[in-house]
Amino acid sequence: MITIIKSMFLFVLAGLFEIGGGYMVWLSLREGKPWWIGILGGLILIGYGVVATLQPANFGRVYAAYGGIFIVMAIIWGWKVDGIIPDKYDLIGGAVALLGVLIIMYAPRST
């Protein structure tokens, strides 16, 4: 159980790094914010790559499962940062994505 909790924490941390860093680059290039915000965002994106390596599973499995976490976190980011309230289809899609994460990462395997 501790491994699953640590793994989920790492997924959320990676998501914050990826979405936050990407958002800072977006603000710099698309919204006219200072260049240093974009540079800082790029450095944070490097942190995302490092955090992902701390997962216990193999690269393909981690990145496949991370896609589901990213979907949910992007919906939450859009809601809390951009003010876009998720509709029922966002919520259903997010739930399906999380179910995929649980299956990919934590389903019992014989090997």
C-alpha atoms as a PDB file:
ATOM      1  CA  MET A   1       0.000   0.000   0.000  1.00  0.00           C
ATOM      2  CA  ILE A   2       2.880   2.395   0.758  1.00  0.00           C
ATOM      3  CA  THR A   3       4.235   1.814  -2.761  1.00  0.00           C
ATOM      4  CA  ILE A   4       0.886   2.803  -4.286  1.00  0.00           C
ATOM      5  CA  ILE A   5       0.645   5.946  -2.132  1.00  0.00           C
ATOM      6  CA  LYS A   6       4.210   6.941  -3.062  1.00  0.00           C
ATOM      7  CA  SER A   7       3.509   6.234  -6.724  1.00  0.00           C
ATOM      8  CA  MET A   8       0.334   8.348  -6.721  1.00  0.00           C
ATOM      9  CA  PHE A   9       2.198  11.178  -4.964  1.00  0.00           C
ATOM     10  CA  LEU A  10       4.882  11.053  -7.659  1.00  0.00           C
ATOM     11  CA  PHE A  11       2.223  11.137 -10.392  1.00  0.00           C
ATOM     12  CA  VAL A  12       0.628  14.239  -8.860  1.00  0.00           C
ATOM     13  CA  LEU A  13       4.005  15.917  -8.361  1.00  0.00           C
ATOM     14  CA  ALA A  14       4.983  15.167 -11.968  1.00  0.00           C
ATOM     15  CA  GLY A  15       1.635  16.539 -13.117  1.00  0.00           C
ATOM     16  CA  LEU A  16       2.134  19.776 -11.223  1.00  0.00           C
ATOM     17  CA  PHE A  17       5.605  20.148 -12.736  1.00  0.00           C
ATOM     18  CA  GLU A  18       4.419  19.414 -16.271  1.00  0.00           C
ATOM     19  CA  ILE A  19       1.250  21.485 -16.228  1.00  0.00           C
ATOM     20  CA  GLY A  20       2.761  24.304 -14.168  1.00  0.00           C
ATOM     21  CA  GLY A  21       5.925  24.479 -16.259  1.00  0.00           C
ATOM     22  CA  GLY A  22       4.008  24.271 -19.511  1.00  0.00           C
ATOM     23  CA  TYR A  23       1.615  26.963 -18.308  1.00  0.00           C
ATOM     24  CA  MET A  24       4.537  29.280 -17.546  1.00  0.00           C
ATOM     25  CA  VAL A  25       5.941  28.767 -21.056  1.00  0.00           C
ATOM     26  CA  TRP A  26       2.435  29.404 -22.438  1.00  0.00           C
ATOM     27  CA  LEU A  27       2.133  32.630 -20.443  1.00  0.00           C
ATOM     28  CA  SER A  28       5.505  33.841 -21.707  1.00  0.00           C
ATOM     29  CA  LEU A  29       4.979  33.003 -25.370  1.00  0.00           C
ATOM     30  CA  ARG A  30       1.233  33.498 -25.764  1.00  0.00           C
ATOM     31  CA  GLU A  31       0.235  36.012 -23.106  1.00  0.00           C
ATOM     32  CA  GLY A  32       3.197  38.383 -23.235  1.00  0.00           C
ATOM     33  CA  LYS A  33       4.579  37.619 -19.778  1.00  0.00           C
ATOM     34  CA  PRO A  34       8.317  38.196 -19.213  1.00  0.00           C
ATOM     35  CA  TRP A  35      10.784  35.843 -20.912  1.00  0.00           C
ATOM     36  CA  TRP A  36      12.161  34.648 -17.573  1.00  0.00           C
ATOM     37  CA  ILE A  37       8.777  33.113 -16.725  1.00  0.00           C
ATOM     38  CA  GLY A  38       9.113  30.930 -19.821  1.00  0.00           C
ATOM     39  CA  ILE A  39      12.679  29.964 -18.893  1.00  0.00           C
ATOM     40  CA  LEU A  40      11.583  29.075 -15.363  1.00  0.00           C
ATOM     41  CA  GLY A  41       8.746  27.022 -16.852  1.00  0.00           C
ATOM     42  CA  GLY A  42      11.268  25.156 -19.001  1.00  0.00           C
ATOM     43  CA  LEU A  43      13.371  24.350 -15.935  1.00  0.00           C
ATOM     44  CA  ILE A  44      10.285  23.111 -14.117  1.00  0.00           C
ATOM     45  CA  LEU A  45       9.525  20.884 -17.115  1.00  0.00           C
ATOM     46  CA  ILE A  46      12.975  19.332 -16.703  1.00  0.00           C
ATOM     47  CA  GLY A  47      11.973  18.611 -13.096  1.00  0.00           C
ATOM     48  CA  TYR A  48       8.925  16.761 -14.441  1.00  0.00           C
ATOM     49  CA  GLY A  49      11.211  14.459 -16.406  1.00  0.00           C
ATOM     50  CA  VAL A  50      13.267  13.735 -13.305  1.00  0.00           C
ATOM     51  CA  VAL A  51      10.259  13.077 -11.034  1.00  0.00           C
ATOM     52  CA  ALA A  52       8.841  10.564 -13.497  1.00  0.00           C
ATOM     53  CA  THR A  53      12.021   8.450 -13.215  1.00  0.00           C
ATOM     54  CA  LEU A  54      11.297   7.874  -9.523  1.00  0.00           C
ATOM     55  CA  GLN A  55       8.305   5.639 -10.322  1.00  0.00           C
ATOM     56  CA  PRO A  56       8.774   1.929  -9.567  1.00  0.00           C
ATOM     57  CA  ALA A  57       7.446   0.623 -12.907  1.00  0.00           C
ATOM     58  CA  ASN A  58       9.026   0.588 -16.383  1.00  0.00           C
ATOM     59  CA  PHE A  59       9.059   3.637 -18.660  1.00  0.00           C
ATOM     60  CA  GLY A  60       6.212   2.594 -20.961  1.00  0.00           C
ATOM     61  CA  ARG A  61       3.865   1.666 -18.159  1.00  0.00           C
ATOM     62  CA  VAL A  62       4.628   4.847 -16.185  1.00  0.00           C
ATOM     63  CA  TYR A  63       4.062   7.137 -19.148  1.00  0.00           C
ATOM     64  CA  ALA A  64       0.909   5.310 -20.258  1.00  0.00           C
ATOM     65  CA  ALA A  65      -0.570   5.600 -16.776  1.00  0.00           C
ATOM     66  CA  TYR A  66       0.647   9.168 -16.373  1.00  0.00           C
ATOM     67  CA  GLY A  67      -1.525  10.137 -19.342  1.00  0.00           C
ATOM     68  CA  GLY A  68      -4.606   9.425 -17.233  1.00  0.00           C
ATOM     69  CA  ILE A  69      -3.289  11.464 -14.316  1.00  0.00           C
ATOM     70  CA  PHE A  70      -2.450  14.313 -16.679  1.00  0.00           C
ATOM     71  CA  ILE A  71      -6.005  14.307 -18.077  1.00  0.00           C
ATOM     72  CA  VAL A  72      -7.540  14.668 -14.617  1.00  0.00           C
ATOM     73  CA  MET A  73      -5.033  17.272 -13.490  1.00  0.00           C
ATOM     74  CA  ALA A  74      -5.550  19.302 -16.672  1.00  0.00           C
ATOM     75  CA  ILE A  75      -9.312  19.318 -16.036  1.00  0.00           C
ATOM     76  CA  ILE A  76      -8.701  20.499 -12.468  1.00  0.00           C
ATOM     77  CA  TRP A  77      -6.164  23.122 -13.652  1.00  0.00           C
ATOM     78  CA  GLY A  78      -8.640  24.453 -16.204  1.00  0.00           C
ATOM     79  CA  TRP A  79     -11.283  24.697 -13.502  1.00  0.00           C
ATOM     80  CA  LYS A  80      -9.200  26.263 -10.723  1.00  0.00           C
ATOM     81  CA  VAL A  81      -6.790  28.418 -12.774  1.00  0.00           C
ATOM     82  CA  ASP A  82      -8.719  29.282 -15.952  1.00  0.00           C
ATOM     83  CA  GLY A  83     -12.219  29.179 -14.466  1.00  0.00           C
ATOM     84  CA  ILE A  84     -13.574  26.545 -16.888  1.00  0.00           C
ATOM     85  CA  ILE A  85     -16.052  24.454 -14.918  1.00  0.00           C
ATOM     86  CA  PRO A  86     -15.869  20.777 -15.928  1.00  0.00           C
ATOM     87  CA  ASP A  87     -19.075  19.373 -17.382  1.00  0.00           C
ATOM     88  CA  LYS A  88     -20.355  15.842 -16.913  1.00  0.00           C
ATOM     89  CA  TYR A  89     -18.404  14.589 -19.922  1.00  0.00           C
ATOM     90  CA  ASP A  90     -15.155  15.987 -18.511  1.00  0.00           C
ATOM     91  CA  LEU A  91     -15.915  14.194 -15.243  1.00  0.00           C
ATOM     92  CA  ILE A  92     -16.839  10.914 -16.952  1.00  0.00           C
ATOM     93  CA  GLY A  93     -13.721  11.070 -19.155  1.00  0.00           C
ATOM     94  CA  GLY A  94     -11.543  11.836 -16.138  1.00  0.00           C
ATOM     95  CA  ALA A  95     -13.014   8.892 -14.234  1.00  0.00           C
ATOM     96  CA  VAL A  96     -12.372   6.542 -17.168  1.00  0.00           C
ATOM     97  CA  ALA A  97      -8.791   7.846 -17.418  1.00  0.00           C
ATOM     98  CA  LEU A  98      -8.219   7.219 -13.690  1.00  0.00           C
ATOM     99  CA  LEU A  99      -9.617   3.721 -14.017  1.00  0.00           C
ATOM    100  CA  GLY A 100      -7.054   3.167 -16.779  1.00  0.00           C
ATOM    101  CA  VAL A 101      -4.279   4.372 -14.455  1.00  0.00           C
ATOM    102  CA  LEU A 102      -5.327   1.919 -11.756  1.00  0.00           C
ATOM    103  CA  ILE A 103      -5.425  -0.971 -14.203  1.00  0.00           C
ATOM    104  CA  ILE A 104      -2.120  -0.152 -15.904  1.00  0.00           C
ATOM    105  CA  MET A 105      -0.110   0.545 -12.761  1.00  0.00           C
ATOM    106  CA  TYR A 106      -1.622  -1.502  -9.982  1.00  0.00           C
ATOM    107  CA  ALA A 107      -3.376  -4.557 -11.405  1.00  0.00           C
ATOM    108  CA  PRO A 108      -1.866  -7.773 -10.053  1.00  0.00           C
ATOM    109  CA  ARG A 109       0.480  -9.408 -12.521  1.00  0.00           C
ATOM    110  CA  SER A 110       2.024 -12.842 -12.549  1.00  0.00           C
ATOM    111  CA  THR A 111       5.442 -11.672 -13.800  1.00  0.00           C
END
